[in-house]
Amino acid sequence: MNNVDRLFKESMSFEDFAEGYYNYLHKLLHTIDIKAIAAFAKEMERARTENKTVFFVGNGGSAATASHMANDFGMDILKKTGGNLPFRAMALTDNAAVMLAIANDEGYERLFVNQLRVHYRTGDSLVAISASGNSPNVVAAAEWVKDQGGKVISLVGFDGGKLKDISDVTIHAKSEKGEYGPVEDVHMILNHMITSFLMLALRDGNR
């Protein structure tokens, strides 16, 4: 039984459950190393100033997070700052035709690696998002980027899985296994935290 299951069993009402869920998210956020979050922000800024691309990957809810992050780092910051040097953020979760072709022809584990073979250039980096840290196609993408000499930043939960050992920077919400919802919630909070900081820094001319 994980924390969310336990919380449900102990709650007398939805209000009790909601308050407990809020408190658990607060606890998870405090398991994350702030220096790792800062390293993520620094890598995004490096990529922007060097005109490099940051690729985002994930499955299921983490695929939605990858798309959301690419939108916020790319289009949203550009819209709000009007800068001439935007973040080159690209989610490899967004082209259904390409993904289905790869999955059908070469297998789902090649979903991101094959796209990286087309788009990746020296100096680019990867943000790998997986609650378990063990999604085979995400791990394969991380390993491929590392083989090219690129940097990998992972957003994980549970025990960190394989990604924790592969990544240059690991943002780890240390949850019990199976707690996908809270981990994905935390990843989205971090997205808005980092993009807000970078947007404000660019808008105010401080970075």
N, C-alpha and C. Protein backbone atom coordinates (compact mmCIF):
# COMPACT_ATOMS: atom_id res chain seq x y z
N MET A 1 0.85 -1.19 0.00
CA MET A 1 0.00 0.00 0.00
C MET A 1 0.89 1.25 0.00
N ASN A 2 0.70 2.13 -1.00
CA ASN A 2 1.50 3.35 -1.04
C ASN A 2 0.82 4.47 -0.26
N ASN A 3 1.44 5.63 -0.24
CA ASN A 3 0.94 6.73 0.57
C ASN A 3 -0.44 7.21 0.16
N VAL A 4 -0.70 7.23 -1.15
CA VAL A 4 -2.01 7.70 -1.62
C VAL A 4 -3.10 6.71 -1.23
N ASP A 5 -2.82 5.41 -1.38
CA ASP A 5 -3.79 4.40 -0.94
C ASP A 5 -4.06 4.52 0.56
N ARG A 6 -2.99 4.69 1.31
CA ARG A 6 -3.11 4.79 2.76
C ARG A 6 -3.91 6.05 3.15
N LEU A 7 -3.63 7.12 2.44
CA LEU A 7 -4.34 8.38 2.70
C LEU A 7 -5.84 8.20 2.47
N PHE A 8 -6.21 7.50 1.39
CA PHE A 8 -7.62 7.29 1.09
C PHE A 8 -8.30 6.48 2.20
N LYS A 9 -7.63 5.42 2.64
CA LYS A 9 -8.22 4.56 3.67
C LYS A 9 -8.39 5.30 4.99
N GLU A 10 -7.51 6.27 5.26
CA GLU A 10 -7.56 6.99 6.52
C GLU A 10 -8.47 8.22 6.48
N SER A 11 -8.91 8.60 5.27
CA SER A 11 -9.73 9.80 5.13
C SER A 11 -11.20 9.50 5.41
N MET A 12 -11.85 10.41 6.10
CA MET A 12 -13.27 10.27 6.40
C MET A 12 -14.14 10.98 5.35
N SER A 13 -13.51 11.79 4.51
CA SER A 13 -14.26 12.56 3.51
C SER A 13 -13.30 12.99 2.41
N PHE A 14 -13.89 13.54 1.32
CA PHE A 14 -13.03 14.08 0.26
C PHE A 14 -12.16 15.20 0.80
N GLU A 15 -12.72 16.03 1.69
CA GLU A 15 -11.95 17.13 2.24
C GLU A 15 -10.72 16.63 2.98
N ASP A 16 -10.87 15.56 3.74
CA ASP A 16 -9.72 14.97 4.43
C ASP A 16 -8.68 14.49 3.42
N PHE A 17 -9.16 13.82 2.36
CA PHE A 17 -8.25 13.30 1.34
C PHE A 17 -7.51 14.44 0.65
N ALA A 18 -8.25 15.50 0.28
CA ALA A 18 -7.64 16.63 -0.41
C ALA A 18 -6.57 17.30 0.44
N GLU A 19 -6.88 17.51 1.72
CA GLU A 19 -5.89 18.13 2.60
C GLU A 19 -4.65 17.25 2.75
N GLY A 20 -4.87 15.94 2.87
CA GLY A 20 -3.75 15.02 2.97
C GLY A 20 -2.91 14.99 1.70
N TYR A 21 -3.58 15.08 0.54
CA TYR A 21 -2.88 15.08 -0.74
C TYR A 21 -2.02 16.33 -0.87
N TYR A 22 -2.60 17.49 -0.50
CA TYR A 22 -1.81 18.73 -0.50
C TYR A 22 -0.55 18.56 0.35
N ASN A 23 -0.74 18.02 1.53
CA ASN A 23 0.38 17.87 2.46
C ASN A 23 1.43 16.91 1.91
N TYR A 24 0.96 15.87 1.21
CA TYR A 24 1.92 14.92 0.66
C TYR A 24 2.73 15.55 -0.48
N LEU A 25 2.07 16.36 -1.32
CA LEU A 25 2.82 17.06 -2.37
C LEU A 25 3.87 17.97 -1.76
N HIS A 26 3.52 18.65 -0.68
CA HIS A 26 4.47 19.52 0.02
C HIS A 26 5.67 18.70 0.49
N LYS A 27 5.41 17.52 1.03
CA LYS A 27 6.47 16.64 1.51
C LYS A 27 7.37 16.19 0.35
N LEU A 28 6.76 15.81 -0.77
CA LEU A 28 7.54 15.37 -1.92
C LEU A 28 8.42 16.48 -2.47
N LEU A 29 7.88 17.67 -2.55
CA LEU A 29 8.67 18.80 -3.04
C LEU A 29 9.92 19.01 -2.21
N HIS A 30 9.81 18.76 -0.92
CA HIS A 30 10.95 18.97 -0.03
C HIS A 30 11.95 17.82 -0.06
N THR A 31 11.67 16.76 -0.83
CA THR A 31 12.66 15.70 -1.01
C THR A 31 13.62 16.02 -2.15
N ILE A 32 13.32 17.04 -2.93
CA ILE A 32 14.10 17.35 -4.13
C ILE A 32 15.24 18.29 -3.79
N ASP A 33 16.40 18.01 -4.33
CA ASP A 33 17.58 18.84 -4.15
C ASP A 33 17.42 20.12 -4.98
N ILE A 34 17.36 21.25 -4.32
CA ILE A 34 17.18 22.52 -5.02
C ILE A 34 18.35 22.79 -5.97
N LYS A 35 19.54 22.31 -5.60
CA LYS A 35 20.69 22.50 -6.49
C LYS A 35 20.49 21.79 -7.82
N ALA A 36 19.78 20.66 -7.81
CA ALA A 36 19.48 19.95 -9.05
C ALA A 36 18.51 20.76 -9.91
N ILE A 37 17.54 21.39 -9.26
CA ILE A 37 16.60 22.24 -10.00
C ILE A 37 17.34 23.42 -10.62
N ALA A 38 18.24 24.02 -9.84
CA ALA A 38 19.04 25.13 -10.35
C ALA A 38 19.92 24.70 -11.52
N ALA A 39 20.44 23.47 -11.46
CA ALA A 39 21.27 22.96 -12.55
C ALA A 39 20.45 22.78 -13.82
N PHE A 40 19.20 22.38 -13.68
CA PHE A 40 18.29 22.28 -14.83
C PHE A 40 18.11 23.65 -15.46
N ALA A 41 17.81 24.65 -14.64
CA ALA A 41 17.63 26.01 -15.15
C ALA A 41 18.90 26.52 -15.83
N LYS A 42 20.04 26.21 -15.24
CA LYS A 42 21.32 26.66 -15.82
C LYS A 42 21.56 25.99 -17.17
N GLU A 43 21.23 24.71 -17.29
CA GLU A 43 21.41 24.01 -18.56
C GLU A 43 20.48 24.58 -19.63
N MET A 44 19.25 24.93 -19.25
CA MET A 44 18.35 25.55 -20.21
C MET A 44 18.91 26.88 -20.70
N GLU A 45 19.46 27.65 -19.79
CA GLU A 45 20.02 28.95 -20.18
C GLU A 45 21.27 28.77 -21.05
N ARG A 46 22.09 27.77 -20.74
CA ARG A 46 23.26 27.50 -21.59
C ARG A 46 22.81 27.16 -23.00
N ALA A 47 21.84 26.28 -23.11
CA ALA A 47 21.35 25.88 -24.42
C ALA A 47 20.81 27.09 -25.18
N ARG A 48 20.11 27.96 -24.49
CA ARG A 48 19.55 29.15 -25.17
C ARG A 48 20.66 30.05 -25.69
N THR A 49 21.64 30.36 -24.87
CA THR A 49 22.69 31.30 -25.28
C THR A 49 23.59 30.71 -26.35
N GLU A 50 23.70 29.38 -26.39
CA GLU A 50 24.51 28.72 -27.41
C GLU A 50 23.68 28.27 -28.60
N ASN A 51 22.39 28.60 -28.60
CA ASN A 51 21.47 28.27 -29.69
C ASN A 51 21.39 26.77 -29.93
N LYS A 52 21.34 26.01 -28.83
CA LYS A 52 21.22 24.56 -28.88
C LYS A 52 19.78 24.15 -28.56
N THR A 53 19.44 22.91 -28.92
CA THR A 53 18.09 22.40 -28.71
C THR A 53 18.06 21.51 -27.48
N VAL A 54 16.98 21.65 -26.70
CA VAL A 54 16.72 20.75 -25.59
C VAL A 54 15.51 19.90 -25.96
N PHE A 55 15.69 18.58 -25.97
CA PHE A 55 14.62 17.66 -26.33
C PHE A 55 13.97 17.13 -25.05
N PHE A 56 12.65 16.94 -25.11
CA PHE A 56 11.87 16.44 -23.98
C PHE A 56 11.19 15.15 -24.38
N VAL A 57 11.28 14.13 -23.50
CA VAL A 57 10.65 12.84 -23.79
C VAL A 57 9.96 12.29 -22.54
N GLY A 58 8.95 11.47 -22.76
CA GLY A 58 8.24 10.80 -21.68
C GLY A 58 7.09 10.00 -22.25
N ASN A 59 6.49 9.14 -21.44
CA ASN A 59 5.35 8.32 -21.84
C ASN A 59 4.13 8.66 -20.99
N GLY A 60 2.94 8.45 -21.55
CA GLY A 60 1.72 8.64 -20.77
C GLY A 60 1.62 10.05 -20.21
N GLY A 61 1.38 10.15 -18.89
CA GLY A 61 1.31 11.47 -18.26
C GLY A 61 2.59 12.24 -18.44
N SER A 62 3.72 11.54 -18.46
CA SER A 62 5.01 12.21 -18.65
C SER A 62 5.19 12.70 -20.08
N ALA A 63 4.50 12.09 -21.03
CA ALA A 63 4.50 12.61 -22.40
C ALA A 63 3.78 13.95 -22.44
N ALA A 64 2.67 14.04 -21.72
CA ALA A 64 1.96 15.32 -21.63
C ALA A 64 2.83 16.37 -20.96
N THR A 65 3.58 15.96 -19.94
CA THR A 65 4.50 16.88 -19.27
C THR A 65 5.59 17.34 -20.23
N ALA A 66 6.12 16.42 -21.03
CA ALA A 66 7.15 16.78 -22.00
C ALA A 66 6.62 17.83 -22.98
N SER A 67 5.41 17.61 -23.49
CA SER A 67 4.81 18.57 -24.41
C SER A 67 4.58 19.92 -23.74
N HIS A 68 4.08 19.87 -22.52
CA HIS A 68 3.79 21.10 -21.77
C HIS A 68 5.08 21.88 -21.52
N MET A 69 6.14 21.16 -21.13
CA MET A 69 7.41 21.84 -20.87
C MET A 69 7.98 22.48 -22.13
N ALA A 70 7.93 21.75 -23.25
CA ALA A 70 8.44 22.31 -24.50
C ALA A 70 7.68 23.56 -24.88
N ASN A 71 6.37 23.55 -24.67
CA ASN A 71 5.56 24.73 -24.93
C ASN A 71 5.96 25.90 -24.05
N ASP A 72 6.11 25.63 -22.75
CA ASP A 72 6.37 26.72 -21.81
C ASP A 72 7.76 27.30 -21.97
N PHE A 73 8.77 26.43 -22.17
CA PHE A 73 10.12 26.94 -22.37
C PHE A 73 10.27 27.65 -23.70
N GLY A 74 9.56 27.16 -24.71
CA GLY A 74 9.69 27.73 -26.04
C GLY A 74 8.73 28.87 -26.30
N MET A 75 7.51 28.53 -26.70
CA MET A 75 6.55 29.54 -27.15
C MET A 75 6.12 30.50 -26.04
N ASP A 76 5.88 29.97 -24.84
CA ASP A 76 5.34 30.82 -23.79
C ASP A 76 6.35 31.88 -23.35
N ILE A 77 7.61 31.48 -23.15
CA ILE A 77 8.62 32.46 -22.76
C ILE A 77 8.86 33.46 -23.89
N LEU A 78 8.87 32.98 -25.13
CA LEU A 78 9.04 33.90 -26.26
C LEU A 78 7.91 34.92 -26.30
N LYS A 79 6.68 34.46 -26.11
CA LYS A 79 5.53 35.35 -26.14
C LYS A 79 5.62 36.42 -25.05
N LYS A 80 6.07 36.02 -23.88
CA LYS A 80 6.06 36.94 -22.73
C LYS A 80 7.29 37.84 -22.64
N THR A 81 8.35 37.50 -23.40
CA THR A 81 9.57 38.31 -23.33
C THR A 81 9.89 39.02 -24.63
N GLY A 82 9.46 38.43 -25.77
CA GLY A 82 9.75 39.03 -27.06
C GLY A 82 11.22 39.00 -27.41
N GLY A 83 11.98 38.11 -26.78
CA GLY A 83 13.41 38.06 -27.01
C GLY A 83 13.77 37.57 -28.39
N ASN A 84 14.99 37.90 -28.82
CA ASN A 84 15.47 37.48 -30.14
C ASN A 84 16.24 36.16 -30.09
N LEU A 85 16.46 35.63 -28.88
CA LEU A 85 17.18 34.37 -28.74
C LEU A 85 16.34 33.45 -27.85
N PRO A 86 15.34 32.79 -28.42
CA PRO A 86 14.43 31.98 -27.62
C PRO A 86 15.04 30.64 -27.22
N PHE A 87 14.38 29.97 -26.32
CA PHE A 87 14.75 28.60 -25.96
C PHE A 87 14.30 27.67 -27.09
N ARG A 88 15.22 26.85 -27.58
CA ARG A 88 14.88 25.87 -28.62
C ARG A 88 14.47 24.59 -27.90
N ALA A 89 13.20 24.46 -27.60
CA ALA A 89 12.66 23.33 -26.84
C ALA A 89 11.77 22.50 -27.76
N MET A 90 12.02 21.20 -27.80
CA MET A 90 11.29 20.33 -28.73
C MET A 90 10.88 19.05 -28.02
N ALA A 91 9.58 18.77 -28.00
CA ALA A 91 9.07 17.53 -27.42
C ALA A 91 8.99 16.46 -28.50
N LEU A 92 9.64 15.33 -28.26
CA LEU A 92 9.61 14.23 -29.22
C LEU A 92 8.39 13.35 -29.01
N THR A 93 7.38 13.90 -28.37
CA THR A 93 6.13 13.19 -28.08
C THR A 93 4.97 13.70 -28.93
N ASP A 94 5.25 14.62 -29.86
CA ASP A 94 4.16 15.38 -30.47
C ASP A 94 3.82 15.03 -31.91
N ASN A 95 4.63 14.24 -32.58
CA ASN A 95 4.35 13.90 -33.98
C ASN A 95 3.81 12.46 -34.03
N ALA A 96 2.49 12.34 -34.03
CA ALA A 96 1.86 11.02 -33.96
C ALA A 96 2.25 10.14 -35.14
N ALA A 97 2.32 10.70 -36.34
CA ALA A 97 2.65 9.89 -37.52
C ALA A 97 4.05 9.30 -37.40
N VAL A 98 5.01 10.13 -36.99
CA VAL A 98 6.39 9.65 -36.84
C VAL A 98 6.47 8.59 -35.74
N MET A 99 5.81 8.84 -34.61
CA MET A 99 5.88 7.90 -33.50
C MET A 99 5.27 6.55 -33.87
N LEU A 100 4.12 6.59 -34.55
CA LEU A 100 3.48 5.34 -34.94
C LEU A 100 4.29 4.57 -35.97
N ALA A 101 4.94 5.30 -36.88
CA ALA A 101 5.78 4.64 -37.87
C ALA A 101 6.96 3.94 -37.21
N ILE A 102 7.61 4.62 -36.28
CA ILE A 102 8.75 4.02 -35.58
C ILE A 102 8.31 2.82 -34.77
N ALA A 103 7.22 2.99 -34.01
CA ALA A 103 6.73 1.89 -33.17
C ALA A 103 6.34 0.68 -34.01
N ASN A 104 5.72 0.93 -35.16
CA ASN A 104 5.29 -0.16 -36.02
C ASN A 104 6.46 -0.86 -36.71
N ASP A 105 7.42 -0.06 -37.17
CA ASP A 105 8.49 -0.61 -38.00
C ASP A 105 9.66 -1.15 -37.19
N GLU A 106 9.99 -0.47 -36.07
CA GLU A 106 11.20 -0.86 -35.35
C GLU A 106 10.97 -1.13 -33.86
N GLY A 107 9.78 -0.86 -33.37
CA GLY A 107 9.48 -1.14 -31.97
C GLY A 107 9.40 0.11 -31.13
N TYR A 108 8.57 0.04 -30.10
CA TYR A 108 8.30 1.21 -29.26
C TYR A 108 9.55 1.71 -28.54
N GLU A 109 10.49 0.81 -28.27
CA GLU A 109 11.70 1.24 -27.55
C GLU A 109 12.56 2.18 -28.39
N ARG A 110 12.36 2.20 -29.70
CA ARG A 110 13.13 3.09 -30.58
C ARG A 110 12.44 4.43 -30.80
N LEU A 111 11.32 4.65 -30.14
CA LEU A 111 10.47 5.81 -30.40
C LEU A 111 11.22 7.13 -30.37
N PHE A 112 12.07 7.32 -29.38
CA PHE A 112 12.77 8.59 -29.22
C PHE A 112 14.17 8.57 -29.83
N VAL A 113 14.84 7.43 -29.76
CA VAL A 113 16.19 7.34 -30.31
C VAL A 113 16.18 7.64 -31.81
N ASN A 114 15.23 7.08 -32.54
CA ASN A 114 15.20 7.32 -33.98
C ASN A 114 14.96 8.78 -34.32
N GLN A 115 14.13 9.45 -33.53
CA GLN A 115 13.93 10.88 -33.76
C GLN A 115 15.18 11.68 -33.42
N LEU A 116 15.87 11.29 -32.36
CA LEU A 116 17.12 11.97 -32.00
C LEU A 116 18.17 11.80 -33.09
N ARG A 117 18.19 10.65 -33.73
CA ARG A 117 19.16 10.43 -34.81
C ARG A 117 18.96 11.43 -35.95
N VAL A 118 17.74 11.91 -36.11
CA VAL A 118 17.45 12.91 -37.14
C VAL A 118 17.76 14.33 -36.66
N HIS A 119 17.35 14.65 -35.44
CA HIS A 119 17.34 16.04 -34.99
C HIS A 119 18.52 16.45 -34.11
N TYR A 120 19.14 15.51 -33.43
CA TYR A 120 20.18 15.86 -32.46
C TYR A 120 21.43 16.41 -33.14
N ARG A 121 21.98 17.48 -32.55
CA ARG A 121 23.24 18.04 -32.99
C ARG A 121 24.15 18.21 -31.77
N THR A 122 25.44 18.24 -31.99
CA THR A 122 26.40 18.36 -30.90
C THR A 122 26.08 19.58 -30.02
N GLY A 123 26.06 19.34 -28.73
CA GLY A 123 25.76 20.42 -27.78
C GLY A 123 24.32 20.45 -27.34
N ASP A 124 23.44 19.68 -28.01
CA ASP A 124 22.05 19.60 -27.59
C ASP A 124 21.96 18.76 -26.31
N SER A 125 20.81 18.82 -25.65
CA SER A 125 20.63 18.06 -24.42
C SER A 125 19.24 17.45 -24.38
N LEU A 126 19.04 16.57 -23.40
CA LEU A 126 17.79 15.82 -23.28
C LEU A 126 17.23 15.95 -21.88
N VAL A 127 15.91 16.19 -21.80
CA VAL A 127 15.19 16.11 -20.54
C VAL A 127 14.34 14.85 -20.60
N ALA A 128 14.68 13.88 -19.75
CA ALA A 128 14.03 12.57 -19.74
C ALA A 128 13.09 12.51 -18.55
N ILE A 129 11.80 12.31 -18.81
CA ILE A 129 10.78 12.37 -17.76
C ILE A 129 10.16 10.99 -17.59
N SER A 130 10.26 10.44 -16.39
CA SER A 130 9.71 9.10 -16.13
C SER A 130 9.55 8.93 -14.63
N ALA A 131 8.32 8.70 -14.18
CA ALA A 131 8.09 8.54 -12.75
C ALA A 131 8.91 7.38 -12.19
N SER A 132 8.95 6.27 -12.92
CA SER A 132 9.69 5.10 -12.46
C SER A 132 11.18 5.22 -12.71
N GLY A 133 11.55 6.00 -13.72
CA GLY A 133 12.94 6.08 -14.13
C GLY A 133 13.39 4.90 -14.95
N ASN A 134 12.45 4.04 -15.34
CA ASN A 134 12.79 2.79 -16.02
C ASN A 134 12.12 2.61 -17.38
N SER A 135 11.41 3.60 -17.89
CA SER A 135 10.74 3.45 -19.18
C SER A 135 11.79 3.12 -20.25
N PRO A 136 11.68 1.96 -20.92
CA PRO A 136 12.75 1.53 -21.83
C PRO A 136 13.07 2.54 -22.93
N ASN A 137 12.06 3.16 -23.53
CA ASN A 137 12.36 4.09 -24.62
C ASN A 137 13.00 5.38 -24.12
N VAL A 138 12.66 5.79 -22.91
CA VAL A 138 13.27 6.99 -22.32
C VAL A 138 14.71 6.68 -21.91
N VAL A 139 14.92 5.53 -21.30
CA VAL A 139 16.27 5.11 -20.92
C VAL A 139 17.15 4.99 -22.16
N ALA A 140 16.61 4.40 -23.23
CA ALA A 140 17.38 4.26 -24.48
C ALA A 140 17.77 5.62 -25.04
N ALA A 141 16.85 6.58 -24.97
CA ALA A 141 17.15 7.93 -25.45
C ALA A 141 18.26 8.57 -24.62
N ALA A 142 18.18 8.40 -23.31
CA ALA A 142 19.20 8.96 -22.42
C ALA A 142 20.56 8.34 -22.72
N GLU A 143 20.60 7.04 -22.89
CA GLU A 143 21.87 6.36 -23.18
C GLU A 143 22.44 6.83 -24.52
N TRP A 144 21.56 7.01 -25.51
CA TRP A 144 22.01 7.45 -26.83
C TRP A 144 22.61 8.84 -26.76
N VAL A 145 21.95 9.76 -26.05
CA VAL A 145 22.47 11.13 -25.93
C VAL A 145 23.80 11.13 -25.19
N LYS A 146 23.91 10.33 -24.14
CA LYS A 146 25.18 10.24 -23.41
C LYS A 146 26.29 9.73 -24.33
N ASP A 147 25.97 8.78 -25.20
CA ASP A 147 26.96 8.26 -26.14
C ASP A 147 27.44 9.33 -27.12
N GLN A 148 26.58 10.32 -27.37
CA GLN A 148 26.97 11.42 -28.27
C GLN A 148 27.72 12.52 -27.53
N GLY A 149 27.89 12.37 -26.23
CA GLY A 149 28.56 13.39 -25.44
C GLY A 149 27.63 14.47 -24.94
N GLY A 150 26.31 14.26 -25.06
CA GLY A 150 25.34 15.25 -24.62
C GLY A 150 24.98 15.12 -23.16
N LYS A 151 24.30 16.12 -22.66
CA LYS A 151 23.90 16.15 -21.25
C LYS A 151 22.46 15.66 -21.12
N VAL A 152 22.21 14.88 -20.07
CA VAL A 152 20.87 14.35 -19.79
C VAL A 152 20.42 14.84 -18.42
N ILE A 153 19.23 15.42 -18.39
CA ILE A 153 18.58 15.82 -17.15
C ILE A 153 17.35 14.94 -17.00
N SER A 154 17.20 14.31 -15.85
CA SER A 154 16.04 13.44 -15.66
C SER A 154 15.14 13.98 -14.56
N LEU A 155 13.84 13.81 -14.78
CA LEU A 155 12.81 14.09 -13.79
C LEU A 155 12.17 12.76 -13.45
N VAL A 156 12.39 12.29 -12.22
CA VAL A 156 11.98 10.95 -11.85
C VAL A 156 11.27 10.97 -10.51
N GLY A 157 10.71 9.80 -10.16
CA GLY A 157 10.10 9.59 -8.86
C GLY A 157 10.53 8.23 -8.33
N PHE A 158 9.69 7.64 -7.44
CA PHE A 158 9.95 6.31 -6.89
C PHE A 158 11.39 6.24 -6.36
N ASP A 159 12.17 5.23 -6.80
CA ASP A 159 13.56 5.14 -6.34
C ASP A 159 14.55 5.71 -7.35
N GLY A 160 14.04 6.36 -8.41
CA GLY A 160 14.89 6.97 -9.43
C GLY A 160 15.19 6.08 -10.61
N GLY A 161 15.09 4.75 -10.42
CA GLY A 161 15.27 3.81 -11.51
C GLY A 161 16.61 3.93 -12.21
N LYS A 162 16.66 3.44 -13.45
CA LYS A 162 17.90 3.45 -14.24
C LYS A 162 18.33 4.87 -14.61
N LEU A 163 17.36 5.75 -14.82
CA LEU A 163 17.71 7.11 -15.23
C LEU A 163 18.57 7.82 -14.19
N LYS A 164 18.33 7.51 -12.94
CA LYS A 164 19.09 8.17 -11.87
C LYS A 164 20.59 7.96 -12.04
N ASP A 165 20.98 6.79 -12.54
CA ASP A 165 22.39 6.46 -12.70
C ASP A 165 22.97 6.96 -14.03
N ILE A 166 22.11 7.19 -15.01
CA ILE A 166 22.55 7.63 -16.33
C ILE A 166 22.73 9.13 -16.40
N SER A 167 21.91 9.87 -15.69
CA SER A 167 21.75 11.31 -15.91
C SER A 167 22.88 12.14 -15.30
N ASP A 168 23.13 13.28 -15.94
CA ASP A 168 24.07 14.26 -15.39
C ASP A 168 23.44 15.02 -14.23
N VAL A 169 22.15 15.29 -14.36
CA VAL A 169 21.38 15.97 -13.32
C VAL A 169 20.10 15.18 -13.11
N THR A 170 19.81 14.83 -11.86
CA THR A 170 18.58 14.09 -11.55
C THR A 170 17.73 14.90 -10.59
N ILE A 171 16.51 15.20 -11.02
CA ILE A 171 15.52 15.86 -10.15
C ILE A 171 14.58 14.77 -9.68
N HIS A 172 14.73 14.40 -8.42
CA HIS A 172 14.14 13.17 -7.90
C HIS A 172 13.12 13.47 -6.82
N ALA A 173 11.83 13.24 -7.13
CA ALA A 173 10.77 13.29 -6.12
C ALA A 173 10.70 11.91 -5.48
N LYS A 174 11.21 11.78 -4.28
CA LYS A 174 11.42 10.47 -3.65
C LYS A 174 10.11 9.95 -3.05
N SER A 175 9.36 9.26 -3.89
CA SER A 175 8.05 8.74 -3.51
C SER A 175 8.11 7.22 -3.38
N GLU A 176 7.02 6.64 -2.92
CA GLU A 176 6.90 5.20 -2.97
C GLU A 176 6.54 4.77 -4.40
N LYS A 177 6.88 3.54 -4.74
CA LYS A 177 6.59 3.04 -6.09
C LYS A 177 5.08 3.05 -6.34
N GLY A 178 4.72 3.38 -7.56
CA GLY A 178 3.33 3.37 -7.97
C GLY A 178 2.60 4.68 -7.78
N GLU A 179 3.25 5.68 -7.20
CA GLU A 179 2.58 6.97 -6.95
C GLU A 179 2.78 7.91 -8.14
N TYR A 180 2.21 7.52 -9.26
CA TYR A 180 2.40 8.29 -10.49
C TYR A 180 1.82 9.70 -10.39
N GLY A 181 0.60 9.81 -9.88
CA GLY A 181 -0.06 11.11 -9.83
C GLY A 181 0.74 12.16 -9.09
N PRO A 182 1.11 11.93 -7.83
CA PRO A 182 1.89 12.93 -7.09
C PRO A 182 3.22 13.27 -7.75
N VAL A 183 3.90 12.27 -8.30
CA VAL A 183 5.19 12.55 -8.96
C VAL A 183 4.97 13.44 -10.18
N GLU A 184 3.97 13.13 -10.98
CA GLU A 184 3.68 13.94 -12.16
C GLU A 184 3.24 15.35 -11.76
N ASP A 185 2.50 15.47 -10.65
CA ASP A 185 2.13 16.80 -10.15
C ASP A 185 3.37 17.61 -9.82
N VAL A 186 4.31 16.98 -9.12
CA VAL A 186 5.54 17.67 -8.73
C VAL A 186 6.33 18.10 -9.96
N HIS A 187 6.41 17.24 -10.96
CA HIS A 187 7.15 17.61 -12.17
C HIS A 187 6.55 18.83 -12.85
N MET A 188 5.22 18.94 -12.84
CA MET A 188 4.60 20.11 -13.46
C MET A 188 4.83 21.37 -12.62
N ILE A 189 4.82 21.23 -11.31
CA ILE A 189 5.13 22.38 -10.46
C ILE A 189 6.54 22.88 -10.77
N LEU A 190 7.49 21.97 -10.91
CA LEU A 190 8.87 22.35 -11.22
C LEU A 190 8.96 23.03 -12.58
N ASN A 191 8.20 22.54 -13.56
CA ASN A 191 8.16 23.19 -14.86
C ASN A 191 7.78 24.65 -14.72
N HIS A 192 6.71 24.92 -14.00
CA HIS A 192 6.24 26.31 -13.88
C HIS A 192 7.19 27.15 -13.03
N MET A 193 7.82 26.53 -12.04
CA MET A 193 8.80 27.25 -11.24
C MET A 193 9.99 27.72 -12.09
N ILE A 194 10.54 26.80 -12.87
CA ILE A 194 11.74 27.11 -13.65
C ILE A 194 11.42 28.06 -14.80
N THR A 195 10.33 27.79 -15.52
CA THR A 195 9.99 28.67 -16.64
C THR A 195 9.63 30.07 -16.15
N SER A 196 8.98 30.17 -15.01
CA SER A 196 8.67 31.50 -14.46
C SER A 196 9.94 32.27 -14.14
N PHE A 197 10.90 31.58 -13.51
CA PHE A 197 12.17 32.25 -13.17
C PHE A 197 12.90 32.71 -14.43
N LEU A 198 13.02 31.83 -15.42
CA LEU A 198 13.76 32.19 -16.62
C LEU A 198 13.04 33.28 -17.41
N MET A 199 11.73 33.22 -17.46
CA MET A 199 10.97 34.26 -18.16
C MET A 199 11.17 35.61 -17.50
N LEU A 200 11.05 35.65 -16.16
CA LEU A 200 11.20 36.92 -15.44
C LEU A 200 12.62 37.46 -15.55
N ALA A 201 13.60 36.54 -15.51
CA ALA A 201 14.99 36.98 -15.64
C ALA A 201 15.24 37.61 -17.01
N LEU A 202 14.69 36.99 -18.06
CA LEU A 202 14.86 37.56 -19.39
C LEU A 202 14.10 38.87 -19.54
N ARG A 203 12.89 38.91 -19.03
CA ARG A 203 12.06 40.11 -19.17
C ARG A 203 12.66 41.30 -18.45
N ASP A 204 13.27 41.02 -17.29
CA ASP A 204 13.83 42.10 -16.49
C ASP A 204 15.29 42.40 -16.83
N GLY A 205 15.83 41.63 -17.77
CA GLY A 205 17.20 41.88 -18.20
C GLY A 205 18.27 41.48 -17.22
N ASN A 206 17.92 40.55 -16.31
CA ASN A 206 18.88 40.15 -15.28
C ASN A 206 19.73 38.96 -15.71
N ARG A 207 19.38 38.31 -16.81
CA ARG A 207 20.13 37.14 -17.24
C ARG A 207 20.42 37.30 -18.75
